[in-house]
Amino acid sequence: MPTLPDIGKDNLNFNYQTWGSKDNSILLLHGLASNIHIWDLVAPKLSIQNQIIAIDQRGHGETDKPDIGYDFQTIAKDTISIIKHLNLSNPIIIGHSWGGNVAVEIAAHYPEYTKGICLVDGGLIEISRIPGNSLDKALINMAPPVWDGVYKNDIISRLNRRDWGEQDKTSKEANLTEIALSNFLISESGEVNSRLSRQNHMKIIEEIWKHKPSKLLKMIKCPTLILNARNQDSESSPYHEIRKSLISEALNTIPKVENIWLEDSIHDVPLQRPELVSDIIQTHIDNKFF
């Protein structure tokens, strides 16, 4: 895959992938501990009518992995540097999970660089609102697994047992295990480790704790499409009511905004229901929402 050299103040090399060659540009941002391959099933569908660019964010995938710069301001500036480097004209920015929060940061502070944002089960993540939560608890509850002594076959066995929920045809036909394996470095002996280091993962959790999307909503003037996954398990989560409250705040604050609940969907909905995700986004593009 191509690399963008010397990006941002830290002169990092960013891994990226493109699909399509149309005038309308869409920039895809993955979530925490993920990479560009979360979009492998959505991007080809959107590329029929758009130019698609997906990037491995700082510390993730095959992008450089410095020990600094995991605050939202720096991550947003990385993205703006990439937009400038690729000469993208006001792309639609689509962020999944933590990547959605990055999209919110960009829309609030760099409105001239995007014509609209789409938040895919993310963007309105504000874990400090959870009753009884604290930074120390968040660092424990959201910490990544310890991969010492875990091998590729162990991961494949776990992934093969994963319940992907109600998948669409594209998802069923895809090799989701192979996509999920792209999050790991695999040694010659088969031992695995996350591409995002544990140290940097913990730094991002701390930044998520400090991030307050609710304080940024009044600064967002661009069209905003919110796509939230929902299923029986998520509705029983203690965070579900907080999420609904944040969505309500967004609907009452952002001038042009729409929320759509993706029913019977899991957090990794770009892999579970790529046809639904891409169809909704393309319909909103066709209808001049953005």
C-alpha atoms as a PDB file:
ATOM      1  CA  MET A   1       0.000   0.000   0.000  1.00  0.00           C
ATOM      2  CA  PRO A   2       1.198   3.582  -0.605  1.00  0.00           C
ATOM      3  CA  THR A   3       2.687   5.728   2.146  1.00  0.00           C
ATOM      4  CA  LEU A   4       2.335   9.445   2.793  1.00  0.00           C
ATOM      5  CA  PRO A   5       5.772  10.688   3.949  1.00  0.00           C
ATOM      6  CA  ASP A   6       6.698  13.401   6.465  1.00  0.00           C
ATOM      7  CA  ILE A   7       3.162  14.214   7.593  1.00  0.00           C
ATOM      8  CA  GLY A   8       2.460  16.708  10.385  1.00  0.00           C
ATOM      9  CA  LYS A   9       4.746  18.247  12.950  1.00  0.00           C
ATOM     10  CA  ASP A  10       6.257  14.851  13.809  1.00  0.00           C
ATOM     11  CA  ASN A  11       7.050  14.032  10.149  1.00  0.00           C
ATOM     12  CA  LEU A  12       5.362  10.626  10.282  1.00  0.00           C
ATOM     13  CA  ASN A  13       4.827   8.170   7.463  1.00  0.00           C
ATOM     14  CA  PHE A  14       1.121   7.332   7.100  1.00  0.00           C
ATOM     15  CA  ASN A  15      -0.202   4.202   5.455  1.00  0.00           C
ATOM     16  CA  TYR A  16      -3.293   4.749   3.309  1.00  0.00           C
ATOM     17  CA  GLN A  17      -5.446   3.119   0.656  1.00  0.00           C
ATOM     18  CA  THR A  18      -7.621   4.570  -2.088  1.00  0.00           C
ATOM     19  CA  TRP A  19     -10.587   3.339  -4.099  1.00  0.00           C
ATOM     20  CA  GLY A  20     -12.309   5.050  -7.026  1.00  0.00           C
ATOM     21  CA  SER A  21     -11.386   8.269  -8.805  1.00  0.00           C
ATOM     22  CA  LYS A  22     -14.445  10.515  -8.732  1.00  0.00           C
ATOM     23  CA  ASP A  23     -14.480  14.200  -7.778  1.00  0.00           C
ATOM     24  CA  ASN A  24     -16.418  13.714  -4.545  1.00  0.00           C
ATOM     25  CA  SER A  25     -13.954  12.677  -1.811  1.00  0.00           C
ATOM     26  CA  ILE A  26     -14.626  10.627   1.312  1.00  0.00           C
ATOM     27  CA  LEU A  27     -12.005  10.171   4.043  1.00  0.00           C
ATOM     28  CA  LEU A  28     -12.423   7.121   6.300  1.00  0.00           C
ATOM     29  CA  LEU A  29     -11.129   7.035   9.891  1.00  0.00           C
ATOM     30  CA  HIS A  30     -10.976   3.762  11.830  1.00  0.00           C
ATOM     31  CA  GLY A  31     -11.456   3.261  15.559  1.00  0.00           C
ATOM     32  CA  LEU A  32      -9.152   2.513  18.479  1.00  0.00           C
ATOM     33  CA  ALA A  33      -6.776  -0.437  17.916  1.00  0.00           C
ATOM     34  CA  SER A  34      -8.225  -0.946  14.443  1.00  0.00           C
ATOM     35  CA  ASN A  35      -6.881  -0.056  10.985  1.00  0.00           C
ATOM     36  CA  ILE A  36      -7.928   0.771   7.420  1.00  0.00           C
ATOM     37  CA  HIS A  37      -9.238  -2.756   6.843  1.00  0.00           C
ATOM     38  CA  ILE A  38     -12.349  -2.074   8.959  1.00  0.00           C
ATOM     39  CA  TRP A  39     -13.504  -0.326   5.751  1.00  0.00           C
ATOM     40  CA  ASP A  40     -12.624  -3.153   3.326  1.00  0.00           C
ATOM     41  CA  LEU A  41     -16.290  -3.985   2.673  1.00  0.00           C
ATOM     42  CA  VAL A  42     -17.747  -0.449   2.743  1.00  0.00           C
ATOM     43  CA  ALA A  43     -15.130   1.373   0.649  1.00  0.00           C
ATOM     44  CA  PRO A  44     -15.575  -0.572  -2.620  1.00  0.00           C
ATOM     45  CA  LYS A  45     -19.314   0.120  -2.588  1.00  0.00           C
ATOM     46  CA  LEU A  46     -18.886   3.846  -1.929  1.00  0.00           C
ATOM     47  CA  SER A  47     -16.098   4.055  -4.532  1.00  0.00           C
ATOM     48  CA  ILE A  48     -18.566   3.452  -7.366  1.00  0.00           C
ATOM     49  CA  GLN A  49     -19.565   7.113  -7.163  1.00  0.00           C
ATOM     50  CA  ASN A  50     -16.835   8.646  -4.964  1.00  0.00           C
ATOM     51  CA  GLN A  51     -13.100   8.818  -4.398  1.00  0.00           C
ATOM     52  CA  ILE A  52     -12.370   6.964  -1.146  1.00  0.00           C
ATOM     53  CA  ILE A  53      -9.304   7.376   1.052  1.00  0.00           C
ATOM     54  CA  ALA A  54      -8.731   5.376   4.237  1.00  0.00           C
ATOM     55  CA  ILE A  55      -5.767   6.002   6.540  1.00  0.00           C
ATOM     56  CA  ASP A  56      -4.067   4.122   9.333  1.00  0.00           C
ATOM     57  CA  GLN A  57      -4.024   6.693  12.100  1.00  0.00           C
ATOM     58  CA  ARG A  58      -0.961   7.475  14.197  1.00  0.00           C
ATOM     59  CA  GLY A  59       0.250   4.391  16.068  1.00  0.00           C
ATOM     60  CA  HIS A  60      -2.091   2.076  14.165  1.00  0.00           C
ATOM     61  CA  GLY A  61      -1.821  -0.381  11.308  1.00  0.00           C
ATOM     62  CA  GLU A  62       1.267   0.219   9.182  1.00  0.00           C
ATOM     63  CA  THR A  63       1.605   3.914  10.041  1.00  0.00           C
ATOM     64  CA  ASP A  64       4.532   5.128  12.170  1.00  0.00           C
ATOM     65  CA  LYS A  65       4.201   4.574  15.913  1.00  0.00           C
ATOM     66  CA  PRO A  66       5.709   7.411  17.960  1.00  0.00           C
ATOM     67  CA  ASP A  67       5.376   7.558  21.741  1.00  0.00           C
ATOM     68  CA  ILE A  68       3.732  10.998  21.609  1.00  0.00           C
ATOM     69  CA  GLY A  69       0.816  12.795  19.994  1.00  0.00           C
ATOM     70  CA  TYR A  70      -2.255  10.746  20.937  1.00  0.00           C
ATOM     71  CA  ASP A  71      -4.388  13.693  22.062  1.00  0.00           C
ATOM     72  CA  PHE A  72      -7.321  14.586  19.826  1.00  0.00           C
ATOM     73  CA  GLN A  73      -5.829  17.917  18.778  1.00  0.00           C
ATOM     74  CA  THR A  74      -2.725  16.247  17.348  1.00  0.00           C
ATOM     75  CA  ILE A  75      -4.669  13.394  15.732  1.00  0.00           C
ATOM     76  CA  ALA A  76      -6.953  15.964  14.081  1.00  0.00           C
ATOM     77  CA  LYS A  77      -3.944  17.932  12.835  1.00  0.00           C
ATOM     78  CA  ASP A  78      -2.507  14.716  11.368  1.00  0.00           C
ATOM     79  CA  THR A  79      -5.716  14.311   9.390  1.00  0.00           C
ATOM     80  CA  ILE A  80      -5.696  17.915   8.181  1.00  0.00           C
ATOM     81  CA  SER A  81      -2.083  17.477   7.018  1.00  0.00           C
ATOM     82  CA  ILE A  82      -3.153  14.402   5.027  1.00  0.00           C
ATOM     83  CA  ILE A  83      -6.083  16.284   3.474  1.00  0.00           C
ATOM     84  CA  LYS A  84      -3.667  19.027   2.389  1.00  0.00           C
ATOM     85  CA  HIS A  85      -1.034  16.564   1.142  1.00  0.00           C
ATOM     86  CA  LEU A  86      -3.563  14.724  -1.034  1.00  0.00           C
ATOM     87  CA  ASN A  87      -5.171  17.991  -2.204  1.00  0.00           C
ATOM     88  CA  LEU A  88      -8.596  16.811  -1.125  1.00  0.00           C
ATOM     89  CA  SER A  89     -11.313  19.401  -1.541  1.00  0.00           C
ATOM     90  CA  ASN A  90     -13.609  19.401   1.494  1.00  0.00           C
ATOM     91  CA  PRO A  91     -13.994  15.637   1.871  1.00  0.00           C
ATOM     92  CA  ILE A  92     -16.820  14.016   3.764  1.00  0.00           C
ATOM     93  CA  ILE A  93     -15.136  12.546   6.847  1.00  0.00           C
ATOM     94  CA  ILE A  94     -16.540   9.252   8.110  1.00  0.00           C
ATOM     95  CA  GLY A  95     -15.302   8.026  11.476  1.00  0.00           C
ATOM     96  CA  HIS A  96     -15.970   4.725  13.213  1.00  0.00           C
ATOM     97  CA  SER A  97     -15.909   4.612  17.032  1.00  0.00           C
ATOM     98  CA  TRP A  98     -12.888   6.639  18.278  1.00  0.00           C
ATOM     99  CA  GLY A  99     -12.425   7.784  14.679  1.00  0.00           C
ATOM    100  CA  GLY A 100     -15.843   9.423  14.984  1.00  0.00           C
ATOM    101  CA  ASN A 101     -14.561  11.497  17.889  1.00  0.00           C
ATOM    102  CA  VAL A 102     -11.655  12.578  15.671  1.00  0.00           C
ATOM    103  CA  ALA A 103     -14.196  13.610  13.014  1.00  0.00           C
ATOM    104  CA  VAL A 104     -16.077  15.672  15.619  1.00  0.00           C
ATOM    105  CA  GLU A 105     -12.807  17.362  16.623  1.00  0.00           C
ATOM    106  CA  ILE A 106     -12.092  18.256  12.987  1.00  0.00           C
ATOM    107  CA  ALA A 107     -15.609  19.532  12.282  1.00  0.00           C
ATOM    108  CA  ALA A 108     -15.482  21.748  15.369  1.00  0.00           C
ATOM    109  CA  HIS A 109     -11.991  23.203  14.938  1.00  0.00           C
ATOM    110  CA  TYR A 110     -11.277  22.908  11.196  1.00  0.00           C
ATOM    111  CA  PRO A 111     -14.648  23.434   9.473  1.00  0.00           C
ATOM    112  CA  GLU A 112     -13.025  24.635   6.251  1.00  0.00           C
ATOM    113  CA  TYR A 113     -11.577  21.160   5.634  1.00  0.00           C
ATOM    114  CA  THR A 114     -14.779  19.108   5.521  1.00  0.00           C
ATOM    115  CA  LYS A 115     -18.179  19.411   3.862  1.00  0.00           C
ATOM    116  CA  GLY A 116     -19.741  17.053   6.398  1.00  0.00           C
ATOM    117  CA  ILE A 117     -19.125  14.237   8.836  1.00  0.00           C
ATOM    118  CA  CYS A 118     -20.653  10.819   9.417  1.00  0.00           C
ATOM    119  CA  LEU A 119     -20.296   9.171  12.828  1.00  0.00           C
ATOM    120  CA  VAL A 120     -20.521   5.373  12.658  1.00  0.00           C
ATOM    121  CA  ASP A 121     -21.223   4.096  16.172  1.00  0.00           C
ATOM    122  CA  GLY A 122     -18.875   6.686  17.592  1.00  0.00           C
ATOM    123  CA  GLY A 123     -18.159  10.384  17.732  1.00  0.00           C
ATOM    124  CA  LEU A 124     -20.353  10.994  20.769  1.00  0.00           C
ATOM    125  CA  ILE A 125     -18.241   8.872  23.111  1.00  0.00           C
ATOM    126  CA  GLU A 126     -18.019  10.593  26.492  1.00  0.00           C
ATOM    127  CA  ILE A 127     -17.036   7.962  29.050  1.00  0.00           C
ATOM    128  CA  SER A 128     -16.629  10.502  31.849  1.00  0.00           C
ATOM    129  CA  ARG A 129     -20.446  10.707  31.975  1.00  0.00           C
ATOM    130  CA  ILE A 130     -20.844   7.113  33.134  1.00  0.00           C
ATOM    131  CA  PRO A 131     -22.040   7.221  36.767  1.00  0.00           C
ATOM    132  CA  GLY A 132     -19.313   6.170  39.173  1.00  0.00           C
ATOM    133  CA  ASN A 133     -16.703   6.054  36.456  1.00  0.00           C
ATOM    134  CA  SER A 134     -13.210   7.457  36.911  1.00  0.00           C
ATOM    135  CA  LEU A 135     -10.049   7.633  34.873  1.00  0.00           C
ATOM    136  CA  ASP A 136      -8.532   4.812  36.914  1.00  0.00           C
ATOM    137  CA  LYS A 137     -11.579   2.614  36.284  1.00  0.00           C
ATOM    138  CA  ALA A 138     -11.582   3.477  32.577  1.00  0.00           C
ATOM    139  CA  LEU A 139      -7.914   2.538  32.275  1.00  0.00           C
ATOM    140  CA  ILE A 140      -8.731  -0.847  33.804  1.00  0.00           C
ATOM    141  CA  ASN A 141     -12.006  -1.536  31.985  1.00  0.00           C
ATOM    142  CA  MET A 142     -10.807  -0.379  28.561  1.00  0.00           C
ATOM    143  CA  ALA A 143      -7.276  -1.764  28.732  1.00  0.00           C
ATOM    144  CA  PRO A 144      -6.307  -4.024  25.828  1.00  0.00           C
ATOM    145  CA  PRO A 145      -5.711  -7.742  26.356  1.00  0.00           C
ATOM    146  CA  VAL A 146      -2.255  -9.012  27.210  1.00  0.00           C
ATOM    147  CA  TRP A 147      -1.054 -11.002  24.219  1.00  0.00           C
ATOM    148  CA  ASP A 148       1.990 -12.686  25.794  1.00  0.00           C
ATOM    149  CA  GLY A 149       2.054 -16.340  24.789  1.00  0.00           C
ATOM    150  CA  VAL A 150      -0.902 -16.004  22.415  1.00  0.00           C
ATOM    151  CA  TYR A 151      -0.468 -17.419  18.912  1.00  0.00           C
ATOM    152  CA  LYS A 152      -2.124 -16.879  15.551  1.00  0.00           C
ATOM    153  CA  ASN A 153      -4.076 -20.134  15.798  1.00  0.00           C
ATOM    154  CA  ASP A 154      -5.446 -19.023  19.182  1.00  0.00           C
ATOM    155  CA  ILE A 155      -6.697 -15.777  17.629  1.00  0.00           C
ATOM    156  CA  ILE A 156      -8.203 -17.590  14.650  1.00  0.00           C
ATOM    157  CA  SER A 157     -10.019 -19.954  17.019  1.00  0.00           C
ATOM    158  CA  ARG A 158     -11.436 -16.984  18.979  1.00  0.00           C
ATOM    159  CA  LEU A 159     -12.463 -15.153  15.813  1.00  0.00           C
ATOM    160  CA  ASN A 160     -14.165 -18.231  14.394  1.00  0.00           C
ATOM    161  CA  ARG A 161     -16.319 -18.355  17.531  1.00  0.00           C
ATOM    162  CA  ARG A 162     -17.260 -14.692  17.339  1.00  0.00           C
ATOM    163  CA  ASP A 163     -20.944 -13.911  16.949  1.00  0.00           C
ATOM    164  CA  TRP A 164     -21.207 -11.384  14.121  1.00  0.00           C
ATOM    165  CA  GLY A 165     -24.960 -11.068  14.528  1.00  0.00           C
ATOM    166  CA  GLU A 166     -27.254 -10.556  11.556  1.00  0.00           C
ATOM    167  CA  GLN A 167     -24.825 -10.231   8.629  1.00  0.00           C
ATOM    168  CA  ASP A 168     -25.639  -9.073   5.112  1.00  0.00           C
ATOM    169  CA  LYS A 169     -24.559 -10.982   1.989  1.00  0.00           C
ATOM    170  CA  THR A 170     -21.296  -9.075   1.514  1.00  0.00           C
ATOM    171  CA  SER A 171     -20.302  -9.731   5.114  1.00  0.00           C
ATOM    172  CA  LYS A 172     -21.143 -13.423   4.929  1.00  0.00           C
ATOM    173  CA  GLU A 173     -19.017 -13.854   1.805  1.00  0.00           C
ATOM    174  CA  ALA A 174     -16.006 -11.961   3.207  1.00  0.00           C
ATOM    175  CA  ASN A 175     -13.080 -13.405   5.154  1.00  0.00           C
ATOM    176  CA  LEU A 176     -13.738 -11.492   8.369  1.00  0.00           C
ATOM    177  CA  THR A 177     -11.121 -13.503  10.244  1.00  0.00           C
ATOM    178  CA  GLU A 178      -8.421 -12.324   7.833  1.00  0.00           C
ATOM    179  CA  ILE A 179      -9.590  -8.716   8.203  1.00  0.00           C
ATOM    180  CA  ALA A 180      -9.518  -8.980  12.010  1.00  0.00           C
ATOM    181  CA  LEU A 181      -6.040 -10.540  11.914  1.00  0.00           C
ATOM    182  CA  SER A 182      -4.748  -7.377  10.239  1.00  0.00           C
ATOM    183  CA  ASN A 183      -4.838  -5.729  13.689  1.00  0.00           C
ATOM    184  CA  PHE A 184      -1.956  -7.946  14.792  1.00  0.00           C
ATOM    185  CA  LEU A 185       1.743  -8.339  14.183  1.00  0.00           C
ATOM    186  CA  ILE A 186       2.537 -12.030  13.782  1.00  0.00           C
ATOM    187  CA  SER A 187       6.066 -13.311  14.373  1.00  0.00           C
ATOM    188  CA  GLU A 188       7.700 -16.161  12.449  1.00  0.00           C
ATOM    189  CA  SER A 189       6.832 -18.457  15.346  1.00  0.00           C
ATOM    190  CA  GLY A 190       3.179 -17.411  15.095  1.00  0.00           C
ATOM    191  CA  GLU A 191       3.099 -15.345  18.294  1.00  0.00           C
ATOM    192  CA  VAL A 192       0.864 -12.288  18.048  1.00  0.00           C
ATOM    193  CA  ASN A 193       0.942  -8.743  19.337  1.00  0.00           C
ATOM    194  CA  SER A 194      -1.270  -5.754  18.689  1.00  0.00           C
ATOM    195  CA  ARG A 195      -0.052  -3.277  16.078  1.00  0.00           C
ATOM    196  CA  LEU A 196      -1.106  -0.521  18.510  1.00  0.00           C
ATOM    197  CA  SER A 197       1.249  -0.809  21.481  1.00  0.00           C
ATOM    198  CA  ARG A 198      -0.258  -1.213  24.921  1.00  0.00           C
ATOM    199  CA  GLN A 199       1.471   1.979  26.063  1.00  0.00           C
ATOM    200  CA  ASN A 200      -0.058   4.055  23.264  1.00  0.00           C
ATOM    201  CA  HIS A 201      -3.432   2.351  23.674  1.00  0.00           C
ATOM    202  CA  MET A 202      -3.526   3.481  27.309  1.00  0.00           C
ATOM    203  CA  LYS A 203      -2.598   7.027  26.289  1.00  0.00           C
ATOM    204  CA  ILE A 204      -5.573   7.124  23.932  1.00  0.00           C
ATOM    205  CA  ILE A 205      -7.919   5.875  26.665  1.00  0.00           C
ATOM    206  CA  GLU A 206      -6.759   8.757  28.847  1.00  0.00           C
ATOM    207  CA  GLU A 207      -7.447  11.197  25.995  1.00  0.00           C
ATOM    208  CA  ILE A 208     -10.900   9.678  25.430  1.00  0.00           C
ATOM    209  CA  TRP A 209     -11.596  10.236  29.126  1.00  0.00           C
ATOM    210  CA  LYS A 210     -10.722  13.925  28.754  1.00  0.00           C
ATOM    211  CA  HIS A 211     -12.591  14.387  25.457  1.00  0.00           C
ATOM    212  CA  LYS A 212     -15.977  16.124  25.727  1.00  0.00           C
ATOM    213  CA  PRO A 213     -17.815  16.008  22.390  1.00  0.00           C
ATOM    214  CA  SER A 214     -20.832  17.627  24.068  1.00  0.00           C
ATOM    215  CA  LYS A 215     -18.759  20.800  24.482  1.00  0.00           C
ATOM    216  CA  LEU A 216     -17.940  20.818  20.755  1.00  0.00           C
ATOM    217  CA  LEU A 217     -21.458  20.373  19.366  1.00  0.00           C
ATOM    218  CA  LYS A 218     -22.218  24.106  19.234  1.00  0.00           C
ATOM    219  CA  MET A 219     -19.083  24.604  17.105  1.00  0.00           C
ATOM    220  CA  ILE A 220     -20.170  22.104  14.442  1.00  0.00           C
ATOM    221  CA  LYS A 221     -21.849  23.824  11.488  1.00  0.00           C
ATOM    222  CA  CYS A 222     -21.413  21.175   8.787  1.00  0.00           C
ATOM    223  CA  PRO A 223     -24.001  18.473   7.987  1.00  0.00           C
ATOM    224  CA  THR A 224     -23.680  15.593  10.443  1.00  0.00           C
ATOM    225  CA  LEU A 225     -25.033  12.083   9.914  1.00  0.00           C
ATOM    226  CA  ILE A 226     -25.105   9.878  13.023  1.00  0.00           C
ATOM    227  CA  LEU A 227     -25.330   6.103  12.521  1.00  0.00           C
ATOM    228  CA  ASN A 228     -25.584   4.228  15.798  1.00  0.00           C
ATOM    229  CA  ALA A 229     -25.565   0.450  16.087  1.00  0.00           C
ATOM    230  CA  ARG A 230     -28.202  -0.983  18.387  1.00  0.00           C
ATOM    231  CA  ASN A 231     -29.087  -4.484  19.576  1.00  0.00           C
ATOM    232  CA  GLN A 232     -30.444  -6.141  22.713  1.00  0.00           C
ATOM    233  CA  ASP A 233     -27.028  -6.263  24.371  1.00  0.00           C
ATOM    234  CA  SER A 234     -26.245  -2.603  23.711  1.00  0.00           C
ATOM    235  CA  GLU A 235     -29.646  -1.480  25.003  1.00  0.00           C
ATOM    236  CA  SER A 236     -28.915  -3.139  28.344  1.00  0.00           C
ATOM    237  CA  SER A 237     -25.554  -1.374  28.623  1.00  0.00           C
ATOM    238  CA  PRO A 238     -25.248   1.342  31.307  1.00  0.00           C
ATOM    239  CA  TYR A 239     -23.891   3.644  28.605  1.00  0.00           C
ATOM    240  CA  HIS A 240     -26.972   3.345  26.365  1.00  0.00           C
ATOM    241  CA  GLU A 241     -28.982   6.078  28.111  1.00  0.00           C
ATOM    242  CA  ILE A 242     -25.960   8.383  28.094  1.00  0.00           C
ATOM    243  CA  ARG A 243     -25.542   7.760  24.367  1.00  0.00           C
ATOM    244  CA  LYS A 244     -29.207   8.606  23.743  1.00  0.00           C
ATOM    245  CA  SER A 245     -28.780  11.798  25.761  1.00  0.00           C
ATOM    246  CA  LEU A 246     -25.731  12.841  23.725  1.00  0.00           C
ATOM    247  CA  ILE A 247     -27.585  12.125  20.479  1.00  0.00           C
ATOM    248  CA  SER A 248     -30.470  14.289  21.690  1.00  0.00           C
ATOM    249  CA  GLU A 249     -28.028  17.107  22.460  1.00  0.00           C
ATOM    250  CA  ALA A 250     -26.536  16.787  18.979  1.00  0.00           C
ATOM    251  CA  LEU A 251     -29.979  16.840  17.335  1.00  0.00           C
ATOM    252  CA  ASN A 252     -30.867  20.001  19.257  1.00  0.00           C
ATOM    253  CA  THR A 253     -27.561  21.787  18.639  1.00  0.00           C
ATOM    254  CA  ILE A 254     -26.076  21.026  15.200  1.00  0.00           C
ATOM    255  CA  PRO A 255     -27.890  23.000  12.463  1.00  0.00           C
ATOM    256  CA  LYS A 256     -28.138  20.125   9.958  1.00  0.00           C
ATOM    257  CA  VAL A 257     -28.083  16.717  11.594  1.00  0.00           C
ATOM    258  CA  GLU A 258     -29.797  13.350  11.315  1.00  0.00           C
ATOM    259  CA  ASN A 259     -29.619  10.268  13.523  1.00  0.00           C
ATOM    260  CA  ILE A 260     -30.354   6.759  12.243  1.00  0.00           C
ATOM    261  CA  TRP A 261     -30.384   3.720  14.499  1.00  0.00           C
ATOM    262  CA  LEU A 262     -28.891   0.651  12.834  1.00  0.00           C
ATOM    263  CA  GLU A 263     -31.052  -2.057  14.360  1.00  0.00           C
ATOM    264  CA  ASP A 264     -29.706  -5.556  15.119  1.00  0.00           C
ATOM    265  CA  SER A 265     -26.196  -4.238  14.567  1.00  0.00           C
ATOM    266  CA  ILE A 266     -22.929  -4.653  16.459  1.00  0.00           C
ATOM    267  CA  HIS A 267     -20.202  -2.098  17.082  1.00  0.00           C
ATOM    268  CA  ASP A 268     -18.168  -3.336  14.091  1.00  0.00           C
ATOM    269  CA  VAL A 269     -21.119  -2.654  11.808  1.00  0.00           C
ATOM    270  CA  PRO A 270     -18.871  -1.702   8.836  1.00  0.00           C
ATOM    271  CA  LEU A 271     -17.903  -5.394   8.722  1.00  0.00           C
ATOM    272  CA  GLN A 272     -21.253  -6.853   9.804  1.00  0.00           C
ATOM    273  CA  ARG A 273     -23.582  -4.796   7.586  1.00  0.00           C
ATOM    274  CA  PRO A 274     -21.473  -2.965   4.979  1.00  0.00           C
ATOM    275  CA  GLU A 275     -24.327  -2.852   2.478  1.00  0.00           C
ATOM    276  CA  LEU A 276     -26.569  -1.016   4.948  1.00  0.00           C
ATOM    277  CA  VAL A 277     -23.838   1.433   5.990  1.00  0.00           C
ATOM    278  CA  SER A 278     -22.767   2.257   2.430  1.00  0.00           C
ATOM    279  CA  ASP A 279     -26.361   2.502   1.133  1.00  0.00           C
ATOM    280  CA  ILE A 280     -27.360   4.993   3.832  1.00  0.00           C
ATOM    281  CA  ILE A 281     -24.294   7.143   3.244  1.00  0.00           C
ATOM    282  CA  GLN A 282     -24.647   7.093  -0.559  1.00  0.00           C
ATOM    283  CA  THR A 283     -28.352   7.929  -0.334  1.00  0.00           C
ATOM    284  CA  HIS A 284     -27.534  10.970   1.798  1.00  0.00           C
ATOM    285  CA  ILE A 285     -24.872  12.045  -0.705  1.00  0.00           C
ATOM    286  CA  ASP A 286     -27.319  11.625  -3.603  1.00  0.00           C
ATOM    287  CA  ASN A 287     -29.959  13.612  -1.718  1.00  0.00           C
ATOM    288  CA  LYS A 288     -27.488  16.491  -1.157  1.00  0.00           C
ATOM    289  CA  PHE A 289     -27.474  16.073   2.611  1.00  0.00           C
ATOM    290  CA  PHE A 290     -23.744  16.867   2.649  1.00  0.00           C
END
